[in-house]
Amino acid sequence: MLAAGSLAVPASPLHARSCPRVGAVRTVAGVRYECRRRGRSLAWTRATVRTGRAATTAYAPPSVAGGPVDACRLPDRSAERLRFGNLHAGFPPLTHNLGLGGSFTVALIPVDFSDLPGEPQPLRRVADQMRLFTDWWAMVSGGAARFDWRVHDGWVRIPGRSTDYAIARSGADDTRIADAALAAADPVFDFSGVSVVYFMLPAGQKILGESVQGFRHTRYRFDTAEGPIENYALPGAFFDAPNRTYWSYWAHETGHMFPMPDLYLQSEQWGLSRSSPVPGGPFSGFDLMSNQDGPSRTLSTWLRFLQGWLRDEQVWCAPEGPLAARVVLVPVDSSLPGTKAAMLPIGETTMVVVESRRPNPRFDCDSPNRSGAIVYLVDSTLGTGEGQLQLVAPSGRGLVFPTSCATPQQLDAVMVPGDTVVAGGVTVRVEASGTYDVVTITR
């Protein structure tokens, strides 16, 4: 993993501690906190920085011309790619399964059991989730990935008792419920042209603790009358908990079908170990492929660049040699034209990336997801579940508790005007923030 200075992450000095009254303000170590209500108690919360200058910041091209964009296409040197060729961590991207985009049909099939019957009108429970899924992919792909739903309006009964199919944890090895569900649905559902099947279980079920899914790259295949199904997923009780959503689970698993890697550390799943000072891994919750539960349910510019969804003209790939540049960054989820990523290679397989973030209330949850820039390191020798992306936070920042995310503590990494970080010999300072983020980059 890349080194970015010390990885010891202190607790944020004031965030989440009790405070005296709503609206009280306090500044500690240059960070402004406000007293806000959190459930039935009051707690200090890092304040969002707003300035008049930031609101009127205009777009301008980078002050220094970028180098060839191909220099930022890090080659994939991950063990996953070399051994299996399943999920891409660098260039060239893999094009099996869903490839780099297109139009896809995704099926939704409710399934139940004689001892676990489904409730009336099951689609009412997920109609909004289906819209969020479709709209999210249109946003992050810039329209390159389009999904149409084909739904079964009612329940498909799986033979046997529900307890015969109980699965406690997420995985791809146990295909019993998928095989049985597809076999039961085949006589009553048209699978022609379907790329992905999502199932749903009756409300309140307990037989599936987390989820179960299978993909083309895990060698899943079920032959229906209309053709093979090679991608499926089924959310369990984990995703029925408050502040968790089906759409973000569906979107995360669909990401693997393109096929994108997991950005979290698989070694930390289910609390088996704690190998990173940031719970879940060094990119915290700032990419849906790092944590589908938030706080920032979007795709990083690195993954968009890898998929071809970030066009060359939207990438400023730094030229070689000493550098002093001013770059105005368009927020990653904005449709405005201009530069969305500043990328600075620091080795054959390593790079510094700077991008602009804005919370999206339709998809995201809140703190520490606020407006500003983030800086991170990319290491294309690290594959899925190995912590390929590593956030670089300003000095003194620590872990904070999101107030409406179903996540562990998150790294307080969003940079606002006046914040500076150094990563891989590159210094990044945020000068202004509003419609765009303005950064100065020196090397």
Protein backbone atom coordinates (compact mmCIF):
# COMPACT_ATOMS: atom_id res chain seq x y z
CA MET A 1 0.00 0.00 0.00
CA LEU A 2 1.18 3.54 -0.70
CA ALA A 3 2.63 5.58 2.11
CA ALA A 4 1.20 9.06 2.67
CA GLY A 5 2.93 9.92 5.88
CA SER A 6 1.72 8.52 9.18
CA LEU A 7 -1.49 6.48 9.00
CA ALA A 8 -2.24 6.88 12.69
CA VAL A 9 -5.73 8.40 12.70
CA PRO A 10 -6.64 10.33 15.82
CA ALA A 11 -10.19 10.78 17.00
CA SER A 12 -11.57 14.16 15.94
CA PRO A 13 -10.98 16.35 19.03
CA LEU A 14 -14.54 17.56 19.48
CA HIS A 15 -16.84 15.84 16.97
CA ALA A 16 -19.71 13.86 18.55
CA ARG A 17 -18.91 14.99 22.09
CA SER A 18 -21.75 16.50 24.11
CA CYS A 19 -22.37 20.24 23.87
CA PRO A 20 -24.41 22.74 25.93
CA ARG A 21 -27.07 24.19 23.56
CA VAL A 22 -28.14 24.13 19.92
CA GLY A 23 -26.30 26.75 17.88
CA ALA A 24 -23.27 27.07 20.14
CA VAL A 25 -20.02 27.43 18.18
CA ARG A 26 -16.48 26.43 19.13
CA THR A 27 -13.18 26.31 17.22
CA VAL A 28 -10.52 23.71 18.09
CA ALA A 29 -7.22 23.33 16.18
CA GLY A 30 -8.53 25.60 13.45
CA VAL A 31 -11.70 23.54 12.96
CA ARG A 32 -15.11 25.13 13.59
CA TYR A 33 -17.79 23.07 15.33
CA GLU A 34 -21.49 23.75 15.88
CA CYS A 35 -23.75 22.28 18.55
CA ARG A 36 -26.52 20.30 16.86
CA ARG A 37 -29.23 17.93 17.96
CA ARG A 38 -28.37 14.24 17.51
CA GLY A 39 -31.30 12.04 18.39
CA ARG A 40 -32.27 12.98 21.95
CA SER A 41 -28.92 14.54 22.80
CA LEU A 42 -26.77 17.45 21.67
CA ALA A 43 -23.35 16.91 20.09
CA TRP A 44 -20.61 18.96 18.48
CA THR A 45 -20.59 18.61 14.68
CA ARG A 46 -17.96 19.88 12.28
CA ALA A 47 -19.39 22.94 10.55
CA THR A 48 -19.61 23.40 6.79
CA VAL A 49 -17.50 26.31 5.57
CA ARG A 50 -19.26 28.87 3.40
CA THR A 51 -17.74 32.05 2.03
CA GLY A 52 -19.02 34.77 -0.30
CA ARG A 53 -15.94 34.38 -2.47
CA ALA A 54 -16.59 30.67 -2.90
CA ALA A 55 -20.15 31.22 -4.11
CA THR A 56 -18.97 33.35 -7.05
CA THR A 57 -15.95 31.28 -8.11
CA ALA A 58 -15.92 31.07 -11.90
CA TYR A 59 -14.65 28.20 -14.01
CA ALA A 60 -11.32 28.53 -15.79
CA PRO A 61 -9.10 25.94 -17.46
CA PRO A 62 -5.98 24.79 -15.56
CA SER A 63 -3.27 27.44 -15.46
CA VAL A 64 -0.73 24.89 -16.73
CA ALA A 65 -1.43 22.64 -19.71
CA GLY A 66 -1.72 18.98 -18.81
CA GLY A 67 0.42 16.21 -20.21
CA PRO A 68 -0.77 13.21 -22.25
CA VAL A 69 -3.77 11.58 -20.56
CA ASP A 70 -2.34 8.13 -21.34
CA ALA A 71 0.33 8.81 -18.70
CA CYS A 72 -2.46 8.60 -16.08
CA ARG A 73 -3.77 5.24 -17.28
CA LEU A 74 -2.00 3.16 -14.66
CA PRO A 75 -1.44 -0.44 -15.76
CA ASP A 76 -3.20 -3.12 -13.74
CA ARG A 77 -0.54 -5.04 -11.80
CA SER A 78 -2.83 -6.56 -9.17
CA ALA A 79 -2.60 -10.22 -8.20
CA GLU A 80 -6.34 -10.53 -8.89
CA ARG A 81 -5.84 -9.46 -12.49
CA LEU A 82 -2.72 -11.56 -13.02
CA ARG A 83 -4.24 -14.74 -11.52
CA PHE A 84 -7.91 -14.53 -12.41
CA GLY A 85 -8.55 -11.60 -14.78
CA ASN A 86 -11.86 -11.00 -13.01
CA LEU A 87 -12.03 -7.42 -11.66
CA HIS A 88 -10.00 -4.53 -13.01
CA ALA A 89 -7.80 -2.33 -10.82
CA GLY A 90 -6.07 -0.52 -13.67
CA PHE A 91 -5.79 -0.32 -17.44
CA PRO A 92 -6.74 -1.79 -19.78
CA PRO A 93 -10.23 -2.25 -18.36
CA LEU A 94 -11.94 -5.61 -18.64
CA THR A 95 -14.91 -5.80 -20.95
CA HIS A 96 -16.51 -9.12 -20.07
CA ASN A 97 -19.92 -9.19 -18.44
CA LEU A 98 -21.50 -5.69 -18.66
CA GLY A 99 -18.36 -4.22 -20.23
CA LEU A 100 -17.99 -0.42 -20.25
CA GLY A 101 -21.65 0.50 -20.56
CA GLY A 102 -24.74 0.18 -22.71
CA SER A 103 -28.42 -0.56 -22.19
CA PHE A 104 -29.30 -3.40 -19.85
CA THR A 105 -32.47 -5.09 -18.66
CA VAL A 106 -32.58 -5.89 -14.96
CA ALA A 107 -35.28 -8.17 -13.56
CA LEU A 108 -36.94 -7.85 -10.16
CA ILE A 109 -38.63 -11.00 -8.86
CA PRO A 110 -40.23 -11.24 -5.39
CA VAL A 111 -39.91 -14.77 -3.94
CA ASP A 112 -41.58 -16.33 -0.90
CA PHE A 113 -42.25 -19.70 0.80
CA SER A 114 -45.23 -21.57 2.17
CA ASP A 115 -44.04 -20.87 5.73
CA LEU A 116 -42.95 -17.31 4.86
CA PRO A 117 -45.61 -15.79 2.59
CA GLY A 118 -45.09 -12.39 1.08
CA GLU A 119 -47.13 -9.30 1.84
CA PRO A 120 -49.67 -7.83 -0.63
CA GLN A 121 -48.29 -5.58 -3.40
CA PRO A 122 -44.57 -6.27 -2.89
CA LEU A 123 -43.43 -3.77 -5.53
CA ARG A 124 -44.80 -0.89 -3.48
CA ARG A 125 -41.95 -1.49 -1.01
CA VAL A 126 -39.22 -1.03 -3.63
CA ALA A 127 -40.65 1.27 -6.33
CA ASP A 128 -38.63 4.26 -5.11
CA GLN A 129 -35.51 2.07 -4.78
CA MET A 130 -35.79 1.06 -8.43
CA ARG A 131 -35.94 4.71 -9.52
CA LEU A 132 -32.93 5.63 -7.37
CA PHE A 133 -30.92 2.76 -8.84
CA THR A 134 -31.69 3.78 -12.43
CA ASP A 135 -31.06 7.48 -11.85
CA TRP A 136 -27.85 6.88 -9.91
CA TRP A 137 -26.27 4.87 -12.72
CA ALA A 138 -27.29 7.50 -15.27
CA MET A 139 -25.59 10.15 -13.11
CA VAL A 140 -22.28 8.42 -12.35
CA SER A 141 -21.86 7.05 -15.88
CA GLY A 142 -22.84 10.25 -17.64
CA GLY A 143 -25.56 8.29 -19.40
CA ALA A 144 -23.23 5.49 -20.54
CA ALA A 145 -24.95 2.85 -18.38
CA ARG A 146 -28.72 2.64 -18.78
CA PHE A 147 -30.98 0.19 -16.94
CA ASP A 148 -34.58 -0.80 -17.62
CA TRP A 149 -36.56 -2.83 -15.08
CA ARG A 150 -38.67 -5.87 -15.92
CA VAL A 151 -40.68 -6.84 -12.86
CA HIS A 152 -42.83 -9.75 -11.76
CA ASP A 153 -45.90 -8.22 -10.15
CA GLY A 154 -46.51 -10.77 -7.42
CA TRP A 155 -44.72 -13.49 -5.50
CA VAL A 156 -42.99 -16.54 -6.94
CA ARG A 157 -43.30 -19.45 -4.52
CA ILE A 158 -40.07 -21.41 -3.87
CA PRO A 159 -40.71 -25.06 -2.93
CA GLY A 160 -39.77 -26.27 0.53
CA ARG A 161 -39.48 -24.40 3.81
CA SER A 162 -37.73 -21.05 4.09
CA THR A 163 -35.35 -22.41 6.73
CA ASP A 164 -33.99 -24.86 4.17
CA TYR A 165 -32.34 -21.87 2.46
CA ALA A 166 -31.00 -19.96 5.47
CA ILE A 167 -27.72 -18.09 4.87
CA ALA A 168 -26.09 -15.99 7.58
CA ARG A 169 -23.48 -13.97 5.69
CA SER A 170 -22.81 -12.47 2.31
CA GLY A 171 -21.19 -14.65 -0.30
CA ALA A 172 -21.28 -16.24 -3.72
CA ASP A 173 -20.71 -19.91 -2.85
CA ASP A 174 -24.20 -20.87 -1.70
CA THR A 175 -26.42 -20.76 -4.79
CA ARG A 176 -29.34 -22.83 -3.44
CA ILE A 177 -31.81 -19.97 -3.11
CA ALA A 178 -30.90 -18.43 -6.47
CA ASP A 179 -31.16 -21.75 -8.29
CA ALA A 180 -34.50 -22.54 -6.66
CA ALA A 181 -35.86 -19.03 -7.30
CA LEU A 182 -34.87 -19.04 -10.97
CA ALA A 183 -36.29 -22.54 -11.46
CA ALA A 184 -39.60 -21.46 -9.88
CA ALA A 185 -39.73 -18.21 -11.88
CA ASP A 186 -38.76 -19.67 -15.26
CA PRO A 187 -42.27 -20.92 -16.19
CA VAL A 188 -43.92 -17.55 -15.40
CA PHE A 189 -41.26 -14.94 -16.24
CA ASP A 190 -39.69 -13.90 -19.54
CA PHE A 191 -35.90 -13.82 -19.08
CA SER A 192 -35.09 -12.92 -22.67
CA GLY A 193 -32.45 -10.18 -22.80
CA VAL A 194 -32.10 -9.99 -18.99
CA SER A 195 -28.56 -9.14 -17.84
CA VAL A 196 -29.15 -9.06 -14.07
CA VAL A 197 -31.76 -10.58 -11.73
CA TYR A 198 -32.55 -9.08 -8.36
CA PHE A 199 -34.78 -10.99 -5.96
CA MET A 200 -36.59 -9.70 -2.90
CA LEU A 201 -37.88 -11.61 0.14
CA PRO A 202 -40.98 -10.97 2.27
CA ALA A 203 -40.80 -8.06 4.70
CA GLY A 204 -39.41 -8.97 8.11
CA GLN A 205 -37.75 -12.21 6.98
CA LYS A 206 -34.81 -13.58 8.99
CA ILE A 207 -33.57 -16.51 6.89
CA LEU A 208 -31.05 -14.33 5.00
CA GLY A 209 -28.88 -12.33 7.36
CA GLU A 210 -26.87 -10.16 4.98
CA SER A 211 -27.09 -10.96 1.25
CA VAL A 212 -26.20 -13.50 -1.38
CA GLN A 213 -25.04 -12.80 -4.93
CA GLY A 214 -23.37 -14.43 -7.89
CA PHE A 215 -21.71 -13.10 -11.02
CA ARG A 216 -20.29 -14.20 -14.30
CA HIS A 217 -16.79 -13.83 -12.83
CA THR A 218 -17.71 -16.15 -9.93
CA ARG A 219 -18.81 -18.69 -12.53
CA TYR A 220 -22.50 -18.47 -11.70
CA ARG A 221 -24.87 -19.65 -14.43
CA PHE A 222 -28.47 -20.79 -14.55
CA ASP A 223 -30.02 -21.70 -17.89
CA THR A 224 -33.58 -20.44 -18.28
CA ALA A 225 -35.87 -21.18 -21.21
CA GLU A 226 -34.84 -17.84 -22.76
CA GLY A 227 -31.12 -18.09 -22.07
CA PRO A 228 -28.50 -18.06 -19.29
CA ILE A 229 -28.58 -15.84 -16.20
CA GLU A 230 -25.07 -15.09 -14.92
CA ASN A 231 -25.66 -12.21 -12.48
CA TYR A 232 -28.03 -12.13 -9.52
CA ALA A 233 -28.27 -10.66 -6.03
CA LEU A 234 -30.62 -10.85 -3.07
CA PRO A 235 -30.55 -8.38 -0.14
CA GLY A 236 -31.19 -9.79 3.32
CA ALA A 237 -32.21 -8.45 6.72
CA PHE A 238 -29.02 -6.35 6.94
CA PHE A 239 -30.49 -4.01 4.32
CA ASP A 240 -33.83 -3.69 6.08
CA ALA A 241 -32.16 -1.86 8.99
CA PRO A 242 -32.63 1.92 9.37
CA ASN A 243 -30.48 4.09 7.07
CA ARG A 244 -29.70 1.19 4.74
CA THR A 245 -31.14 0.92 1.26
CA TYR A 246 -31.76 -1.74 -1.37
CA TRP A 247 -30.83 0.52 -4.27
CA SER A 248 -27.28 1.14 -3.04
CA TYR A 249 -26.77 -2.59 -2.46
CA TRP A 250 -28.05 -3.32 -5.96
CA ALA A 251 -25.78 -0.60 -7.36
CA HIS A 252 -22.70 -1.90 -5.52
CA GLU A 253 -23.20 -5.44 -6.76
CA THR A 254 -23.91 -4.16 -10.27
CA GLY A 255 -20.57 -2.35 -10.07
CA HIS A 256 -18.88 -5.77 -9.88
CA MET A 257 -20.59 -6.72 -13.12
CA PHE A 258 -18.76 -3.99 -15.09
CA PRO A 259 -16.45 -5.34 -13.39
CA MET A 260 -15.27 -2.88 -10.71
CA PRO A 261 -13.31 -3.92 -7.59
CA ASP A 262 -14.26 -3.62 -3.94
CA LEU A 263 -12.44 -0.61 -2.46
CA TYR A 264 -12.83 -1.72 1.16
CA LEU A 265 -10.47 -4.12 2.92
CA GLN A 266 -11.94 -7.60 2.74
CA SER A 267 -9.69 -8.61 5.64
CA GLU A 268 -11.83 -6.41 7.91
CA GLN A 269 -15.19 -7.87 6.94
CA TRP A 270 -17.40 -9.05 9.81
CA GLY A 271 -14.89 -7.68 12.34
CA LEU A 272 -12.38 -10.45 11.68
CA SER A 273 -9.43 -8.06 11.92
CA ARG A 274 -8.50 -4.39 12.13
CA SER A 275 -5.57 -3.88 9.76
CA SER A 276 -6.32 -0.24 8.91
CA PRO A 277 -6.65 2.76 11.23
CA VAL A 278 -9.72 3.70 9.18
CA PRO A 279 -12.63 1.27 9.77
CA GLY A 280 -13.33 -0.66 6.59
CA GLY A 281 -10.24 0.51 4.79
CA PRO A 282 -8.30 3.58 3.67
CA PHE A 283 -10.97 5.05 1.37
CA SER A 284 -13.51 5.10 4.21
CA GLY A 285 -17.06 5.59 2.84
CA PHE A 286 -16.26 7.92 -0.04
CA ASP A 287 -17.16 5.58 -2.91
CA LEU A 288 -20.12 3.25 -3.31
CA MET A 289 -17.64 0.46 -4.09
CA SER A 290 -16.04 1.14 -0.70
CA ASN A 291 -19.27 1.23 1.31
CA GLN A 292 -22.78 1.11 -0.16
CA ASP A 293 -24.18 2.57 3.07
CA GLY A 294 -22.50 5.99 2.78
CA PRO A 295 -21.70 8.66 3.51
CA SER A 296 -20.75 9.53 -0.10
CA ARG A 297 -22.69 7.19 -2.37
CA THR A 298 -21.00 8.09 -5.61
CA LEU A 299 -18.16 6.81 -7.78
CA SER A 300 -14.66 8.25 -7.56
CA THR A 301 -13.17 9.86 -10.66
CA TRP A 302 -10.62 7.02 -10.75
CA LEU A 303 -13.30 4.37 -11.27
CA ARG A 304 -15.12 6.59 -13.78
CA PHE A 305 -11.85 7.16 -15.64
CA LEU A 306 -11.17 3.42 -15.67
CA GLN A 307 -14.64 2.77 -17.09
CA GLY A 308 -14.27 5.43 -19.76
CA TRP A 309 -17.06 7.48 -18.16
CA LEU A 310 -14.66 10.34 -17.47
CA ARG A 311 -13.64 11.74 -20.85
CA ASP A 312 -10.04 12.69 -21.58
CA GLU A 313 -10.94 16.38 -21.67
CA GLN A 314 -12.29 16.08 -18.10
CA VAL A 315 -8.92 14.84 -16.80
CA TRP A 316 -5.96 17.08 -16.12
CA CYS A 317 -3.01 14.72 -16.19
CA ALA A 318 -0.06 16.63 -14.76
CA PRO A 319 2.97 17.22 -16.97
CA GLU A 320 6.37 15.94 -15.89
CA GLY A 321 8.84 18.00 -13.88
CA PRO A 322 8.45 20.79 -11.30
CA LEU A 323 4.94 22.14 -11.14
CA ALA A 324 2.90 25.07 -9.84
CA ALA A 325 -0.66 25.00 -11.18
CA ARG A 326 -4.10 26.35 -10.37
CA VAL A 327 -6.90 23.93 -11.23
CA VAL A 328 -10.63 24.62 -11.05
CA LEU A 329 -12.48 21.34 -10.44
CA VAL A 330 -16.05 20.57 -11.46
CA PRO A 331 -17.81 18.46 -8.77
CA VAL A 332 -17.83 14.79 -9.77
CA ASP A 333 -21.64 14.51 -9.97
CA SER A 334 -22.18 17.79 -11.77
CA SER A 335 -23.14 17.92 -15.45
CA LEU A 336 -21.19 21.16 -15.94
CA PRO A 337 -18.34 21.02 -18.47
CA GLY A 338 -14.72 21.26 -17.40
CA THR A 339 -12.02 19.43 -15.45
CA LYS A 340 -13.30 16.85 -12.95
CA ALA A 341 -10.03 15.23 -11.88
CA ALA A 342 -6.45 16.33 -11.38
CA MET A 343 -4.23 13.26 -11.69
CA LEU A 344 -0.52 13.23 -10.93
CA PRO A 345 1.42 10.00 -11.58
CA ILE A 346 4.17 9.44 -9.00
CA GLY A 347 5.29 6.03 -10.27
CA GLU A 348 4.43 3.42 -12.87
CA THR A 349 1.52 2.11 -10.78
CA THR A 350 0.89 4.97 -8.34
CA MET A 351 -0.85 8.31 -8.62
CA VAL A 352 -2.25 11.26 -6.66
CA VAL A 353 -5.84 12.23 -7.52
CA VAL A 354 -7.70 15.42 -6.57
CA GLU A 355 -11.44 15.73 -7.12
CA SER A 356 -14.40 17.83 -6.00
CA ARG A 357 -17.33 16.53 -3.97
CA ARG A 358 -20.79 17.93 -3.24
CA PRO A 359 -23.32 16.09 -1.06
CA ASN A 360 -26.33 14.84 -3.00
CA PRO A 361 -29.32 14.64 -0.65
CA ARG A 362 -31.08 12.23 -3.00
CA PHE A 363 -28.38 9.58 -2.70
CA ASP A 364 -26.05 10.48 0.20
CA CYS A 365 -26.27 10.67 3.95
CA ASP A 366 -24.64 13.51 5.88
CA SER A 367 -21.51 14.28 7.95
CA PRO A 368 -18.62 13.94 7.26
CA ASN A 369 -19.85 14.17 3.69
CA ARG A 370 -19.79 17.90 2.99
CA SER A 371 -18.74 20.18 0.12
CA GLY A 372 -15.05 20.34 -0.69
CA ALA A 373 -12.17 18.54 -2.35
CA ILE A 374 -10.63 15.18 -1.54
CA VAL A 375 -7.13 13.93 -2.24
CA TYR A 376 -6.26 10.26 -2.51
CA LEU A 377 -3.59 7.88 -3.69
CA VAL A 378 -4.14 5.11 -6.26
CA ASP A 379 -2.08 1.93 -6.27
CA SER A 380 -2.85 -0.32 -9.25
CA THR A 381 -0.88 -3.22 -7.76
CA LEU A 382 -3.72 -3.61 -5.23
CA GLY A 383 -6.79 -5.47 -6.41
CA THR A 384 -10.30 -5.97 -5.13
CA GLY A 385 -10.62 -5.82 -1.35
CA GLU A 386 -7.00 -4.73 -0.84
CA GLY A 387 -7.49 -0.98 -0.25
CA GLN A 388 -6.53 0.29 -3.70
CA LEU A 389 -7.51 3.91 -2.95
CA GLN A 390 -6.17 5.73 0.11
CA LEU A 391 -7.61 9.03 1.30
CA VAL A 392 -5.17 11.71 2.42
CA ALA A 393 -6.68 13.92 5.14
CA PRO A 394 -5.36 17.27 6.40
CA SER A 395 -3.12 17.09 9.44
CA GLY A 396 -5.00 16.72 12.71
CA ARG A 397 -8.14 15.28 11.17
CA GLY A 398 -9.52 12.12 12.68
CA LEU A 399 -12.49 9.79 12.67
CA VAL A 400 -16.02 11.15 12.98
CA PHE A 401 -19.41 9.53 13.48
CA PRO A 402 -21.83 10.08 10.59
CA THR A 403 -25.17 11.22 11.95
CA SER A 404 -27.46 9.45 9.48
CA CYS A 405 -25.34 6.70 7.90
CA ALA A 406 -25.38 3.05 8.87
CA THR A 407 -21.58 3.01 8.89
CA PRO A 408 -18.71 2.91 11.37
CA GLN A 409 -16.63 6.01 11.98
CA GLN A 410 -15.44 7.75 8.83
CA LEU A 411 -12.24 9.63 8.05
CA ASP A 412 -12.81 13.39 8.09
CA ALA A 413 -11.04 13.91 4.75
CA VAL A 414 -13.02 16.58 2.88
CA MET A 415 -10.87 19.68 2.34
CA VAL A 416 -12.26 23.22 2.53
CA PRO A 417 -10.61 26.59 1.73
CA GLY A 418 -7.32 26.89 3.61
CA ASP A 419 -6.75 23.14 3.95
CA THR A 420 -3.50 21.65 2.64
CA VAL A 421 -2.20 18.11 2.28
CA VAL A 422 1.02 16.58 1.00
CA ALA A 423 0.94 13.19 -0.72
CA GLY A 424 3.65 11.49 -2.76
CA GLY A 425 5.69 14.71 -2.95
CA VAL A 426 2.66 16.65 -4.24
CA THR A 427 1.20 19.56 -2.24
CA VAL A 428 -2.49 20.36 -2.70
CA ARG A 429 -4.17 23.42 -1.19
CA VAL A 430 -7.84 24.38 -1.50
CA GLU A 431 -8.19 28.08 -2.27
CA ALA A 432 -11.94 28.47 -2.80
CA SER A 433 -15.09 26.38 -2.85
CA GLY A 434 -18.54 27.06 -4.27
CA THR A 435 -19.91 25.97 -7.61
CA TYR A 436 -16.38 24.63 -8.15
CA ASP A 437 -13.36 23.85 -5.99
CA VAL A 438 -10.22 25.82 -6.76
CA VAL A 439 -6.95 24.11 -5.83
CA THR A 440 -3.29 24.94 -6.20
CA ILE A 441 -0.99 22.02 -6.88
CA THR A 442 2.79 22.16 -6.50
CA ARG A 443 5.49 19.57 -6.93
